C-alpha atoms as a PDB file:
ATOM      1  CA  MET A   1      62.371 -55.435  26.014  1.00  0.00           C
ATOM      2  CA  TYR A   2      60.626 -55.293  29.366  1.00  0.00           C
ATOM      3  CA  LYS A   3      61.718 -51.684  29.844  1.00  0.00           C
ATOM      4  CA  LEU A   4      60.542 -50.778  26.341  1.00  0.00           C
ATOM      5  CA  SER A   5      57.149 -52.373  27.022  1.00  0.00           C
ATOM      6  CA  ARG A   6      56.800 -50.381  30.241  1.00  0.00           C
ATOM      7  CA  LEU A   7      57.747 -47.194  28.402  1.00  0.00           C
ATOM      8  CA  ALA A   8      55.240 -47.887  25.610  1.00  0.00           C
ATOM      9  CA  ALA A   9      52.503 -48.596  28.133  1.00  0.00           C
ATOM     10  CA  ALA A  10      53.298 -45.364  29.979  1.00  0.00           C
ATOM     11  CA  LEU A  11      53.111 -43.388  26.736  1.00  0.00           C
ATOM     12  CA  VAL A  12      49.750 -44.931  25.846  1.00  0.00           C
ATOM     13  CA  LEU A  13      48.346 -44.173  29.287  1.00  0.00           C
ATOM     14  CA  SER A  14      49.694 -40.606  29.190  1.00  0.00           C
ATOM     15  CA  THR A  15      48.167 -40.006  25.760  1.00  0.00           C
ATOM     16  CA  ALA A  16      44.831 -41.377  26.918  1.00  0.00           C
ATOM     17  CA  ALA A  17      44.936 -39.095  29.962  1.00  0.00           C
ATOM     18  CA  LEU A  18      45.598 -35.928  27.950  1.00  0.00           C
ATOM     19  CA  PRO A  19      41.934 -35.271  26.989  1.00  0.00           C
ATOM     20  CA  VAL A  20      40.949 -35.700  30.633  1.00  0.00           C
ATOM     21  CA  VAL A  21      43.611 -33.216  31.785  1.00  0.00           C
ATOM     22  CA  ALA A  22      42.678 -30.772  29.037  1.00  0.00           C
ATOM     23  CA  GLN A  23      39.030 -31.060  29.987  1.00  0.00           C
ATOM     24  CA  ALA A  24      39.834 -30.439  33.646  1.00  0.00           C
ATOM     25  CA  GLU A  25      41.927 -27.383  32.772  1.00  0.00           C
ATOM     26  CA  SER A  26      39.253 -25.986  30.449  1.00  0.00           C
ATOM     27  CA  ALA A  27      36.788 -25.956  33.338  1.00  0.00           C
ATOM     28  CA  TRP A  28      38.716 -22.993  34.763  1.00  0.00           C
ATOM     29  CA  SER A  29      39.402 -19.592  33.259  1.00  0.00           C
ATOM     30  CA  VAL A  30      41.459 -16.621  34.385  1.00  0.00           C
ATOM     31  CA  SER A  31      40.575 -13.009  33.664  1.00  0.00           C
ATOM     32  CA  GLY A  32      41.385  -9.587  35.000  1.00  0.00           C
ATOM     33  CA  ILE A  33      42.305  -5.983  34.309  1.00  0.00           C
ATOM     34  CA  ILE A  34      45.217  -3.636  34.892  1.00  0.00           C
ATOM     35  CA  GLY A  35      44.277   0.006  34.611  1.00  0.00           C
ATOM     36  CA  VAL A  36      44.281   3.624  35.686  1.00  0.00           C
ATOM     37  CA  ALA A  37      41.448   6.034  36.481  1.00  0.00           C
ATOM     38  CA  SER A  38      41.066   9.749  37.066  1.00  0.00           C
ATOM     39  CA  ASP A  39      39.306   8.920  40.367  1.00  0.00           C
ATOM     40  CA  TYR A  40      38.025   5.927  42.312  1.00  0.00           C
ATOM     41  CA  THR A  41      34.531   6.373  43.719  1.00  0.00           C
ATOM     42  CA  TRP A  42      32.721   3.959  46.033  1.00  0.00           C
ATOM     43  CA  HIS A  43      28.975   4.470  46.359  1.00  0.00           C
ATOM     44  CA  GLY A  44      29.521   7.874  44.760  1.00  0.00           C
ATOM     45  CA  VAL A  45      32.235   9.083  47.156  1.00  0.00           C
ATOM     46  CA  SER A  46      35.846   9.624  46.048  1.00  0.00           C
ATOM     47  CA  GLN A  47      38.349   7.347  47.770  1.00  0.00           C
ATOM     48  CA  THR A  48      41.398   9.179  46.390  1.00  0.00           C
ATOM     49  CA  GLN A  49      40.810  12.838  47.341  1.00  0.00           C
ATOM     50  CA  GLU A  50      39.683  13.246  43.702  1.00  0.00           C
ATOM     51  CA  ASP A  51      43.151  12.306  42.404  1.00  0.00           C
ATOM     52  CA  PRO A  52      44.075   9.741  39.715  1.00  0.00           C
ATOM     53  CA  THR A  53      44.785   6.183  40.821  1.00  0.00           C
ATOM     54  CA  TRP A  54      45.549   2.634  39.658  1.00  0.00           C
ATOM     55  CA  GLN A  55      43.487  -0.553  39.533  1.00  0.00           C
ATOM     56  CA  LEU A  56      44.330  -4.262  39.470  1.00  0.00           C
ATOM     57  CA  GLU A  57      41.863  -7.153  39.372  1.00  0.00           C
ATOM     58  CA  ALA A  58      42.251 -10.901  38.835  1.00  0.00           C
ATOM     59  CA  ASN A  59      39.550 -13.608  38.767  1.00  0.00           C
ATOM     60  CA  LEU A  60      39.541 -17.396  38.671  1.00  0.00           C
ATOM     61  CA  ASP A  61      36.246 -18.740  37.320  1.00  0.00           C
ATOM     62  CA  HIS A  62      34.950 -22.308  37.175  1.00  0.00           C
ATOM     63  CA  GLU A  63      32.373 -23.487  34.660  1.00  0.00           C
ATOM     64  CA  SER A  64      30.097 -24.473  37.564  1.00  0.00           C
ATOM     65  CA  GLY A  65      29.657 -20.768  38.358  1.00  0.00           C
ATOM     66  CA  PHE A  66      32.027 -20.692  41.320  1.00  0.00           C
ATOM     67  CA  TYR A  67      34.614 -17.886  41.316  1.00  0.00           C
ATOM     68  CA  VAL A  68      37.277 -16.347  43.508  1.00  0.00           C
ATOM     69  CA  GLY A  69      39.345 -13.225  43.004  1.00  0.00           C
ATOM     70  CA  GLY A  70      40.766  -9.963  44.209  1.00  0.00           C
ATOM     71  CA  GLN A  71      40.507  -6.303  43.325  1.00  0.00           C
ATOM     72  CA  PHE A  72      42.982  -3.626  44.388  1.00  0.00           C
ATOM     73  CA  TRP A  73      42.823   0.165  44.173  1.00  0.00           C
ATOM     74  CA  GLY A  74      45.169   2.929  45.174  1.00  0.00           C
ATOM     75  CA  VAL A  75      43.377   5.121  47.758  1.00  0.00           C
ATOM     76  CA  ASP A  76      44.039   8.233  49.847  1.00  0.00           C
ATOM     77  CA  PHE A  77      41.841   9.229  52.801  1.00  0.00           C
ATOM     78  CA  VAL A  78      44.015  12.095  54.111  1.00  0.00           C
ATOM     79  CA  PRO A  79      42.766  15.528  52.929  1.00  0.00           C
ATOM     80  CA  PRO A  80      45.370  17.838  51.370  1.00  0.00           C
ATOM     81  CA  GLY A  81      47.166  19.945  53.957  1.00  0.00           C
ATOM     82  CA  GLU A  82      46.495  17.529  56.839  1.00  0.00           C
ATOM     83  CA  ASP A  83      49.572  16.260  58.695  1.00  0.00           C
ATOM     84  CA  TRP A  84      48.207  12.944  60.053  1.00  0.00           C
ATOM     85  CA  ASP A  85      48.947   9.576  58.484  1.00  0.00           C
ATOM     86  CA  ASP A  86      46.551   6.608  58.561  1.00  0.00           C
ATOM     87  CA  GLY A  87      49.096   4.303  56.910  1.00  0.00           C
ATOM     88  CA  ILE A  88      46.643   3.435  54.115  1.00  0.00           C
ATOM     89  CA  ARG A  89      47.944   3.421  50.552  1.00  0.00           C
ATOM     90  CA  TYR A  90      45.672   0.931  48.821  1.00  0.00           C
ATOM     91  CA  GLU A  91      42.425  -0.985  49.220  1.00  0.00           C
ATOM     92  CA  SER A  92      42.123  -4.768  48.856  1.00  0.00           C
ATOM     93  CA  ASN A  93      38.850  -6.543  48.043  1.00  0.00           C
ATOM     94  CA  LEU A  94      39.095 -10.335  48.204  1.00  0.00           C
ATOM     95  CA  TYR A  95      35.946 -12.152  47.176  1.00  0.00           C
ATOM     96  CA  VAL A  96      34.413 -15.548  46.590  1.00  0.00           C
ATOM     97  CA  GLY A  97      31.060 -16.277  45.015  1.00  0.00           C
ATOM     98  CA  TRP A  98      28.805 -18.297  42.789  1.00  0.00           C
ATOM     99  CA  SER A  99      26.795 -17.305  39.740  1.00  0.00           C
ATOM    100  CA  HIS A 100      24.084 -19.283  37.969  1.00  0.00           C
ATOM    101  CA  GLU A 101      21.497 -18.745  35.239  1.00  0.00           C
ATOM    102  CA  LEU A 102      18.101 -19.613  36.689  1.00  0.00           C
ATOM    103  CA  SER A 103      16.308 -19.166  33.365  1.00  0.00           C
ATOM    104  CA  ASP A 104      16.692 -17.422  30.024  1.00  0.00           C
ATOM    105  CA  PHE A 105      15.664 -14.179  31.750  1.00  0.00           C
ATOM    106  CA  LEU A 106      16.927 -14.495  35.325  1.00  0.00           C
ATOM    107  CA  SER A 107      20.413 -15.077  36.763  1.00  0.00           C
ATOM    108  CA  LEU A 108      21.610 -15.125  40.368  1.00  0.00           C
ATOM    109  CA  THR A 109      24.985 -14.188  41.882  1.00  0.00           C
ATOM    110  CA  LEU A 110      25.915 -14.696  45.541  1.00  0.00           C
ATOM    111  CA  ASP A 111      29.099 -13.004  46.721  1.00  0.00           C
ATOM    112  CA  TYR A 112      31.146 -12.511  49.885  1.00  0.00           C
ATOM    113  CA  THR A 113      33.785  -9.751  49.908  1.00  0.00           C
ATOM    114  CA  ARG A 114      36.346  -8.907  52.549  1.00  0.00           C
ATOM    115  CA  THR A 115      37.567  -5.324  52.193  1.00  0.00           C
ATOM    116  CA  PHE A 116      40.700  -4.360  54.055  1.00  0.00           C
ATOM    117  CA  TYR A 117      43.467  -1.779  53.999  1.00  0.00           C
ATOM    118  CA  PRO A 118      46.967  -3.232  54.460  1.00  0.00           C
ATOM    119  CA  GLY A 119      49.263  -1.020  56.510  1.00  0.00           C
ATOM    120  CA  SER A 120      46.461   0.868  58.248  1.00  0.00           C
ATOM    121  CA  ARG A 121      47.307   2.121  61.735  1.00  0.00           C
ATOM    122  CA  PRO A 122      45.189   0.720  64.617  1.00  0.00           C
ATOM    123  CA  ASP A 123      43.214   3.938  65.080  1.00  0.00           C
ATOM    124  CA  TYR A 124      42.230   3.978  61.386  1.00  0.00           C
ATOM    125  CA  ASP A 125      41.113   0.372  60.876  1.00  0.00           C
ATOM    126  CA  GLN A 126      38.304   0.270  58.269  1.00  0.00           C
ATOM    127  CA  ASP A 127      38.223  -3.449  57.407  1.00  0.00           C
ATOM    128  CA  PHE A 128      34.749  -4.908  56.869  1.00  0.00           C
ATOM    129  CA  ASN A 129      32.729  -7.737  55.317  1.00  0.00           C
ATOM    130  CA  GLU A 130      30.011  -7.406  52.692  1.00  0.00           C
ATOM    131  CA  PHE A 131      27.510  -9.999  51.455  1.00  0.00           C
ATOM    132  CA  THR A 132      25.892  -9.382  48.070  1.00  0.00           C
ATOM    133  CA  VAL A 133      22.933 -10.844  46.180  1.00  0.00           C
ATOM    134  CA  GLU A 134      22.635  -9.778  42.552  1.00  0.00           C
ATOM    135  CA  LEU A 135      19.825 -10.610  40.152  1.00  0.00           C
ATOM    136  CA  GLY A 136      20.388 -10.324  36.429  1.00  0.00           C
ATOM    137  CA  LEU A 137      17.200  -9.398  34.599  1.00  0.00           C
ATOM    138  CA  GLY A 138      17.444 -10.241  30.932  1.00  0.00           C
ATOM    139  CA  GLU A 139      20.573  -9.078  29.113  1.00  0.00           C
ATOM    140  CA  ASN A 140      20.484  -5.462  30.217  1.00  0.00           C
ATOM    141  CA  TYR A 141      19.489  -5.034  33.865  1.00  0.00           C
ATOM    142  CA  THR A 142      20.785  -5.961  37.316  1.00  0.00           C
ATOM    143  CA  ALA A 143      19.352  -5.492  40.807  1.00  0.00           C
ATOM    144  CA  THR A 144      21.744  -5.616  43.768  1.00  0.00           C
ATOM    145  CA  VAL A 145      21.371  -5.945  47.536  1.00  0.00           C
ATOM    146  CA  ALA A 146      24.572  -5.692  49.590  1.00  0.00           C
ATOM    147  CA  TRP A 147      24.667  -5.970  53.387  1.00  0.00           C
ATOM    148  CA  SER A 148      27.501  -5.440  55.823  1.00  0.00           C
ATOM    149  CA  ASP A 149      27.408  -6.455  59.477  1.00  0.00           C
ATOM    150  CA  ASP A 150      29.860  -3.637  60.332  1.00  0.00           C
ATOM    151  CA  ALA A 151      30.010  -1.137  57.474  1.00  0.00           C
ATOM    152  CA  VAL A 152      33.492   0.363  57.044  1.00  0.00           C
ATOM    153  CA  ASN A 153      34.186  -0.792  60.625  1.00  0.00           C
ATOM    154  CA  LEU A 154      31.901   1.949  61.978  1.00  0.00           C
ATOM    155  CA  GLY A 155      30.065  -0.288  64.431  1.00  0.00           C
ATOM    156  CA  HIS A 156      26.789  -0.290  62.516  1.00  0.00           C
ATOM    157  CA  GLU A 157      25.153  -2.337  59.757  1.00  0.00           C
ATOM    158  CA  GLY A 158      25.140  -1.019  56.219  1.00  0.00           C
ATOM    159  CA  LEU A 159      22.623  -1.791  53.468  1.00  0.00           C
ATOM    160  CA  TYR A 160      23.119  -0.907  49.816  1.00  0.00           C
ATOM    161  CA  LEU A 161      20.392  -1.257  47.160  1.00  0.00           C
ATOM    162  CA  ALA A 162      21.049  -0.608  43.474  1.00  0.00           C
ATOM    163  CA  LEU A 163      19.559  -0.917  40.001  1.00  0.00           C
ATOM    164  CA  ALA A 164      21.697  -0.765  36.860  1.00  0.00           C
ATOM    165  CA  GLY A 165      21.292  -1.107  33.121  1.00  0.00           C
ATOM    166  CA  ASN A 166      23.587  -1.359  30.090  1.00  0.00           C
ATOM    167  CA  TRP A 167      22.607  -0.988  26.445  1.00  0.00           C
ATOM    168  CA  ASP A 168      24.590  -1.411  23.233  1.00  0.00           C
ATOM    169  CA  LEU A 169      24.343   1.622  20.983  1.00  0.00           C
ATOM    170  CA  GLY A 170      23.711  -0.118  17.697  1.00  0.00           C
ATOM    171  CA  ASP A 171      26.838  -1.357  15.947  1.00  0.00           C
ATOM    172  CA  SER A 172      28.982   1.550  17.168  1.00  0.00           C
ATOM    173  CA  GLY A 173      30.766  -0.538  19.779  1.00  0.00           C
ATOM    174  CA  PHE A 174      29.735   1.908  22.484  1.00  0.00           C
ATOM    175  CA  GLN A 175      27.679   0.872  25.486  1.00  0.00           C
ATOM    176  CA  LEU A 176      25.507   3.211  27.521  1.00  0.00           C
ATOM    177  CA  GLY A 177      25.228   2.528  31.242  1.00  0.00           C
ATOM    178  CA  ALA A 178      23.053   3.943  34.014  1.00  0.00           C
ATOM    179  CA  ALA A 179      22.886   3.052  37.701  1.00  0.00           C
ATOM    180  CA  ALA A 180      21.233   4.327  40.876  1.00  0.00           C
ATOM    181  CA  GLY A 181      21.869   3.168  44.423  1.00  0.00           C
ATOM    182  CA  ARG A 182      20.890   3.914  47.997  1.00  0.00           C
ATOM    183  CA  TYR A 183      23.299   3.416  50.893  1.00  0.00           C
ATOM    184  CA  ASP A 184      21.784   3.263  54.385  1.00  0.00           C
ATOM    185  CA  LEU A 185      24.066   3.367  57.431  1.00  0.00           C
ATOM    186  CA  GLY A 186      21.350   3.902  60.006  1.00  0.00           C
ATOM    187  CA  ARG A 187      20.202   7.008  61.819  1.00  0.00           C
ATOM    188  CA  GLU A 188      23.182   7.048  64.175  1.00  0.00           C
ATOM    189  CA  LEU A 189      25.631   7.560  61.297  1.00  0.00           C
ATOM    190  CA  GLY A 190      23.558  10.007  59.290  1.00  0.00           C
ATOM    191  CA  GLY A 191      20.910   7.866  57.646  1.00  0.00           C
ATOM    192  CA  ALA A 192      20.887   7.160  53.913  1.00  0.00           C
ATOM    193  CA  TYR A 193      21.962   8.864  50.722  1.00  0.00           C
ATOM    194  CA  ASN A 194      21.665   8.108  46.996  1.00  0.00           C
ATOM    195  CA  ASP A 195      24.309   7.755  44.311  1.00  0.00           C
ATOM    196  CA  TYR A 196      23.935   7.868  40.531  1.00  0.00           C
ATOM    197  CA  GLU A 197      26.106   7.060  37.531  1.00  0.00           C
ATOM    198  CA  LEU A 198      25.719   7.631  33.794  1.00  0.00           C
ATOM    199  CA  SER A 199      28.446   6.150  31.626  1.00  0.00           C
ATOM    200  CA  LEU A 200      29.661   5.505  28.103  1.00  0.00           C
ATOM    201  CA  ALA A 201      32.036   2.590  27.545  1.00  0.00           C
ATOM    202  CA  ARG A 202      33.899   1.101  24.603  1.00  0.00           C
ATOM    203  CA  SER A 203      36.530  -1.572  24.147  1.00  0.00           C
ATOM    204  CA  PHE A 204      39.353  -1.422  21.613  1.00  0.00           C
ATOM    205  CA  GLY A 205      40.547  -5.000  21.527  1.00  0.00           C
ATOM    206  CA  PRO A 206      41.845  -5.777  25.021  1.00  0.00           C
ATOM    207  CA  VAL A 207      41.767  -2.107  26.043  1.00  0.00           C
ATOM    208  CA  ALA A 208      38.571  -1.084  27.859  1.00  0.00           C
ATOM    209  CA  THR A 209      37.658   2.568  28.281  1.00  0.00           C
ATOM    210  CA  LYS A 210      34.859   4.189  30.249  1.00  0.00           C
ATOM    211  CA  LEU A 211      33.745   7.756  30.835  1.00  0.00           C
ATOM    212  CA  ALA A 212      31.245   8.192  33.657  1.00  0.00           C
ATOM    213  CA  TYR A 213      29.494  11.001  35.460  1.00  0.00           C
ATOM    214  CA  VAL A 214      29.016  10.182  39.143  1.00  0.00           C
ATOM    215  CA  THR A 215      27.037  12.161  41.714  1.00  0.00           C
ATOM    216  CA  THR A 216      25.033  11.794  44.942  1.00  0.00           C
ATOM    217  CA  SER A 217      22.047  13.285  46.736  1.00  0.00           C
ATOM    218  CA  GLY A 218      21.193  13.421  50.440  1.00  0.00           C
ATOM    219  CA  TYR A 219      24.837  13.253  51.541  1.00  0.00           C
ATOM    220  CA  ASN A 220      24.970  15.157  54.845  1.00  0.00           C
ATOM    221  CA  ASP A 221      27.540  16.346  57.383  1.00  0.00           C
ATOM    222  CA  THR A 222      27.015  13.358  59.684  1.00  0.00           C
ATOM    223  CA  LEU A 223      27.683  10.911  56.851  1.00  0.00           C
ATOM    224  CA  ALA A 224      30.702  12.983  55.853  1.00  0.00           C
ATOM    225  CA  GLU A 225      32.290  12.376  59.260  1.00  0.00           C
ATOM    226  CA  SER A 226      32.413   8.651  58.469  1.00  0.00           C
ATOM    227  CA  LEU A 227      32.669   8.402  54.681  1.00  0.00           C
ATOM    228  CA  GLY A 228      34.592  11.495  53.604  1.00  0.00           C
ATOM    229  CA  GLU A 229      34.137  15.250  53.251  1.00  0.00           C
ATOM    230  CA  ARG A 230      31.053  16.491  51.457  1.00  0.00           C
ATOM    231  CA  HIS A 231      32.901  17.724  48.385  1.00  0.00           C
ATOM    232  CA  LEU A 232      34.111  14.140  47.781  1.00  0.00           C
ATOM    233  CA  ALA A 233      30.487  13.174  47.110  1.00  0.00           C
ATOM    234  CA  SER A 234      29.823  15.980  44.632  1.00  0.00           C
ATOM    235  CA  GLY A 235      29.298  15.408  40.909  1.00  0.00           C
ATOM    236  CA  ARG A 236      32.355  14.507  38.858  1.00  0.00           C
ATOM    237  CA  ALA A 237      33.463  12.944  35.589  1.00  0.00           C
ATOM    238  CA  VAL A 238      35.602   9.812  35.907  1.00  0.00           C
ATOM    239  CA  LEU A 239      37.680   8.408  33.046  1.00  0.00           C
ATOM    240  CA  SER A 240      39.146   4.911  33.296  1.00  0.00           C
ATOM    241  CA  VAL A 241      41.359   2.925  30.912  1.00  0.00           C
ATOM    242  CA  GLY A 242      42.395  -0.659  31.453  1.00  0.00           C
ATOM    243  CA  TYR A 243      44.021  -3.633  29.763  1.00  0.00           C
ATOM    244  CA  GLU A 244      41.843  -6.741  30.062  1.00  0.00           C
ATOM    245  CA  PHE A 245      43.281 -10.239  30.023  1.00  0.00           C
END
């Protein structure tokens, strides 16, 4: 009888604890995407020698606004025909941040990202940190300021400013996007250049698709020595397809 009483008490306590556990679990959510793209561009510059690549991203979000996650892309920095090997096959972006709605119109996101390239040889180390402040303006616009203390491990600060907008096209399910940014690496590395993107996106259930036109202006030979050959910053169409979870 004593053992049965202890068992009954344990069952009652366990049942009472279930809502608490469920509530604690519901405070967290997991999301991500597995996909492919015809190119991977960063600030308007191809990171794949204009070749197709893969993408993987996973996020853990808390209802308080705190989040942590990682994003991974296949990359290739060796131009065709070159016989050197930097050891780099993919890019890793690990990040942590916090997002909060300040009002019905304004939201704030603070983010720290560590970008690194596993397997890179010592002479080709490009690992760097980036700190980002993003303001959401209403439902359609965002303004971004991103600063790096050692951009792409080039020994100089980097500052990126961007404005972006997204608009639903009626009830079609399509969304129009537009963005413009300015990346400044300082006079020693070639100064600043601009990048632009115009896109059309649509989701089919868990499958997200996006067609974008990406281009730059002001990209010069000095910048190309650090960020990639000039043709990698020319205008191009980029198609991406991913499964969201």
